[in-house]
Amino acid sequence: MTNLLNKNITSEIYLIFDLDGTLIDTDEANFLSYQEAVKNVKNIDLKSLYNDDVRFTRDKLKLIIPNLTVQEFEKIVKIKVNLFQKYLKYTILNTFILEHMNKFFKTNKIILATNSHKMKADLLLNHYDLFNLFDKKYYKEDYANKDNKYQHIINDLNINSNDIIIFEDNHNEICKAIDLGIQSENIINPSIKGEKIWINL
């Protein structure tokens, strides 16, 4: 990562940042929100059912509590969304990534490409005073019914795939970016702990 960002990056290059797991570690806050919501609706201790280190998702909720009704599921998700602000203190800003954002803030276009809904993403951005760092923001709502968020962004901005550097931690999203012709050496998969990790696919 350091080698890549020390290269001659011209002002035409767009820097595209994922949010959850890349710029901000939200896993603990996400799980705690689900845990309280499940307790509220089903009076079940979610932690006793789920001990995985992988991010907890709506799909995992359905798997570990298969007898959830549609109404219960929707209620849990709604409560979880409303609870997330309560657990913001359990999120962690990746200061290593932020350092590089600030480095290129005045010379390059900085783009947010998150799979989070706008309400939650904006909550995080405002919490860490990051909202104004981005030239444009793309949220989950922007790619509704679309398979590839990076395809949508490339089309919307009318840019070449060679003019992009992506910061992304999700393996599936990385593969989709590479399928678009974005070079793997221009995709950075940073650990929230600040480790410099190269993509090697």
Protein backbone atom coordinates (compact mmCIF):
# COMPACT_ATOMS: atom_id res chain seq x y z
CA MET A 1 0.00 0.00 0.00
CA THR A 2 2.75 2.43 0.91
CA ASN A 3 4.56 1.66 -2.37
CA LEU A 4 1.40 2.28 -4.37
CA LEU A 5 0.61 5.58 -2.73
CA ASN A 6 4.20 6.77 -3.14
CA LYS A 7 3.86 6.38 -6.90
CA ASN A 8 3.20 9.43 -9.06
CA ILE A 9 -0.56 9.68 -8.66
CA THR A 10 -1.82 12.36 -11.01
CA SER A 11 -4.78 14.57 -10.24
CA GLU A 12 -6.90 12.60 -12.77
CA ILE A 13 -6.91 9.56 -10.48
CA TYR A 14 -10.06 8.96 -8.43
CA LEU A 15 -9.64 7.51 -4.95
CA ILE A 16 -12.69 5.41 -4.02
CA PHE A 17 -13.23 4.38 -0.41
CA ASP A 18 -15.50 1.75 1.07
CA LEU A 19 -16.82 2.63 4.55
CA ASP A 20 -17.58 -0.36 6.83
CA GLY A 21 -14.48 -2.44 7.47
CA THR A 22 -12.26 -0.12 5.46
CA LEU A 23 -12.48 3.45 6.67
CA ILE A 24 -14.34 2.58 9.88
CA ASP A 25 -14.56 -0.74 11.76
CA THR A 26 -18.25 -1.06 12.63
CA ASP A 27 -18.45 -4.79 13.36
CA GLU A 28 -18.80 -4.55 17.14
CA ALA A 29 -21.33 -1.73 17.02
CA ASN A 30 -23.26 -3.63 14.36
CA PHE A 31 -23.36 -6.83 16.45
CA LEU A 32 -24.29 -5.06 19.68
CA SER A 33 -27.16 -3.34 17.90
CA TYR A 34 -28.44 -6.66 16.58
CA GLN A 35 -27.96 -8.28 19.98
CA GLU A 36 -30.15 -5.73 21.74
CA ALA A 37 -32.77 -5.82 18.99
CA VAL A 38 -33.02 -9.63 19.12
CA LYS A 39 -33.27 -9.52 22.91
CA ASN A 40 -36.06 -6.97 22.60
CA VAL A 41 -38.10 -8.94 20.05
CA LYS A 42 -37.34 -12.60 20.86
CA ASN A 43 -35.79 -12.46 24.35
CA ILE A 44 -32.87 -14.48 23.01
CA ASP A 45 -29.21 -13.89 23.86
CA LEU A 46 -27.68 -13.56 20.40
CA LYS A 47 -24.15 -13.94 21.72
CA SER A 48 -24.91 -17.48 22.89
CA LEU A 49 -25.91 -18.43 19.34
CA TYR A 50 -23.22 -16.59 17.39
CA ASN A 51 -19.50 -16.79 18.11
CA ASP A 52 -18.11 -16.10 14.64
CA ASP A 53 -15.56 -13.35 14.05
CA VAL A 54 -17.10 -12.58 10.68
CA ARG A 55 -19.42 -9.57 10.40
CA PHE A 56 -22.97 -10.28 11.55
CA THR A 57 -25.54 -9.72 8.80
CA ARG A 58 -29.25 -10.01 8.16
CA ASP A 59 -28.62 -13.29 6.36
CA LYS A 60 -26.84 -14.70 9.42
CA LEU A 61 -29.76 -13.60 11.58
CA LYS A 62 -32.10 -15.73 9.47
CA LEU A 63 -29.72 -18.69 9.65
CA ILE A 64 -29.26 -18.79 13.42
CA ILE A 65 -32.92 -18.02 14.22
CA PRO A 66 -34.69 -19.86 11.36
CA ASN A 67 -38.13 -19.68 12.97
CA LEU A 68 -38.29 -15.88 12.74
CA THR A 69 -41.49 -14.62 11.18
CA VAL A 70 -41.28 -11.93 8.52
CA GLN A 71 -42.76 -9.46 10.99
CA GLU A 72 -40.20 -10.35 13.67
CA PHE A 73 -37.33 -10.10 11.21
CA GLU A 74 -38.44 -6.69 9.97
CA LYS A 75 -38.94 -5.47 13.53
CA ILE A 76 -35.45 -6.61 14.57
CA VAL A 77 -33.86 -4.88 11.58
CA LYS A 78 -35.76 -1.65 12.26
CA ILE A 79 -34.81 -1.64 15.95
CA LYS A 80 -31.20 -2.48 15.07
CA VAL A 81 -30.99 0.51 12.72
CA ASN A 82 -32.37 2.83 15.39
CA LEU A 83 -29.99 1.43 18.02
CA PHE A 84 -26.83 1.86 15.96
CA GLN A 85 -26.25 5.43 17.13
CA LYS A 86 -26.19 4.17 20.72
CA TYR A 87 -23.17 1.99 19.92
CA LEU A 88 -21.16 4.47 17.84
CA LYS A 89 -18.53 4.55 20.58
CA TYR A 90 -17.68 0.93 19.67
CA THR A 91 -16.66 1.88 16.12
CA ILE A 92 -13.00 2.47 15.24
CA LEU A 93 -11.68 4.96 12.71
CA ASN A 94 -8.84 3.68 10.54
CA THR A 95 -6.44 6.58 10.98
CA PHE A 96 -3.97 5.07 8.50
CA ILE A 97 -6.55 5.29 5.72
CA LEU A 98 -7.62 8.76 6.87
CA GLU A 99 -4.02 9.92 6.64
CA HIS A 100 -3.95 9.03 2.94
CA MET A 101 -7.34 10.60 2.32
CA ASN A 102 -6.04 13.84 3.75
CA LYS A 103 -2.87 13.54 1.68
CA PHE A 104 -4.82 13.56 -1.59
CA PHE A 105 -7.81 15.64 -0.49
CA LYS A 106 -6.75 18.81 -2.32
CA THR A 107 -5.44 17.19 -5.50
CA ASN A 108 -7.72 14.24 -6.28
CA LYS A 109 -11.39 13.35 -6.33
CA ILE A 110 -12.30 11.43 -3.16
CA ILE A 111 -15.34 9.17 -3.56
CA LEU A 112 -17.36 7.20 -1.00
CA ALA A 113 -18.68 3.82 -2.22
CA THR A 114 -20.51 2.15 0.64
CA ASN A 115 -23.01 -0.68 0.85
CA SER A 116 -24.49 0.98 3.92
CA HIS A 117 -27.78 2.81 3.79
CA LYS A 118 -27.49 6.59 3.66
CA MET A 119 -28.83 7.18 7.17
CA LYS A 120 -26.26 4.91 8.83
CA ALA A 121 -23.36 5.99 6.62
CA ASP A 122 -24.02 9.69 7.21
CA LEU A 123 -24.26 9.02 10.93
CA LEU A 124 -20.75 7.53 10.87
CA LEU A 125 -19.33 10.25 8.64
CA ASN A 126 -20.68 13.00 10.86
CA HIS A 127 -19.55 11.23 14.02
CA TYR A 128 -15.95 11.28 12.79
CA ASP A 129 -16.26 14.64 11.00
CA LEU A 130 -15.56 13.04 7.60
CA PHE A 131 -18.62 14.20 5.68
CA ASN A 132 -16.93 17.01 3.77
CA LEU A 133 -13.88 14.98 2.75
CA PHE A 134 -15.77 13.39 -0.14
CA ASP A 135 -16.44 14.95 -3.53
CA LYS A 136 -19.28 12.48 -4.07
CA LYS A 137 -20.96 9.80 -2.00
CA TYR A 138 -22.63 6.61 -3.18
CA TYR A 139 -24.87 4.66 -0.80
CA LYS A 140 -26.67 1.32 -0.90
CA GLU A 141 -29.76 3.09 -2.21
CA ASP A 142 -27.82 4.26 -5.27
CA TYR A 143 -27.19 0.72 -6.52
CA ALA A 144 -30.57 -0.76 -5.74
CA ASN A 145 -31.11 -3.83 -7.95
CA LYS A 146 -27.60 -3.45 -9.39
CA ASP A 147 -24.99 -6.15 -9.02
CA ASN A 148 -21.82 -4.08 -9.14
CA LYS A 149 -21.42 -0.81 -7.25
CA TYR A 150 -18.18 0.01 -9.04
CA GLN A 151 -19.80 -0.40 -12.46
CA HIS A 152 -22.46 2.08 -11.37
CA ILE A 153 -19.85 4.57 -10.16
CA ILE A 154 -17.70 4.28 -13.28
CA ASN A 155 -20.77 4.88 -15.46
CA ASP A 156 -22.07 7.73 -13.33
CA LEU A 157 -18.74 9.57 -13.20
CA ASN A 158 -17.87 8.66 -16.79
CA ILE A 159 -14.35 7.60 -15.86
CA ASN A 160 -11.90 4.98 -17.09
CA SER A 161 -11.24 1.92 -14.92
CA ASN A 162 -7.51 2.68 -15.21
CA ASP A 163 -8.01 6.00 -13.43
CA ILE A 164 -9.18 4.48 -10.15
CA ILE A 165 -7.60 3.39 -6.89
CA ILE A 166 -9.99 1.49 -4.64
CA PHE A 167 -9.83 0.94 -0.88
CA GLU A 168 -12.07 -2.05 -0.18
CA ASP A 169 -12.13 -4.91 2.34
CA ASN A 170 -14.94 -7.04 0.90
CA HIS A 171 -13.65 -9.96 -1.18
CA ASN A 172 -16.75 -10.13 -3.40
CA GLU A 173 -16.60 -6.40 -4.15
CA ILE A 174 -12.88 -6.71 -4.94
CA CYS A 175 -13.57 -9.51 -7.42
CA LYS A 176 -16.30 -7.44 -9.07
CA ALA A 177 -13.93 -4.49 -9.40
CA ILE A 178 -11.29 -6.69 -11.05
CA ASP A 179 -13.94 -8.05 -13.43
CA LEU A 180 -14.41 -4.47 -14.64
CA GLY A 181 -10.77 -4.24 -15.62
CA ILE A 182 -9.53 -2.42 -12.55
CA GLN A 183 -5.98 -3.63 -11.97
CA SER A 184 -5.49 -5.65 -8.79
CA GLU A 185 -2.48 -3.51 -7.86
CA ASN A 186 -4.84 -0.53 -7.75
CA ILE A 187 -7.08 -2.20 -5.17
CA ILE A 188 -6.04 -1.87 -1.54
CA ASN A 189 -7.51 -4.11 1.13
CA PRO A 190 -6.56 -2.43 4.41
CA SER A 191 -7.00 -3.96 7.84
CA ILE A 192 -8.78 -1.69 10.29
CA LYS A 193 -5.84 -2.27 12.63
CA GLY A 194 -3.67 -0.26 10.27
CA GLU A 195 -1.83 -3.12 8.59
CA LYS A 196 -0.72 -2.59 5.00
CA ILE A 197 -2.21 -5.54 3.12
CA TRP A 198 -1.83 -6.07 -0.62
CA ILE A 199 -4.52 -7.77 -2.65
CA ASN A 200 -3.26 -11.08 -4.02
CA LEU A 201 -5.92 -12.75 -6.15
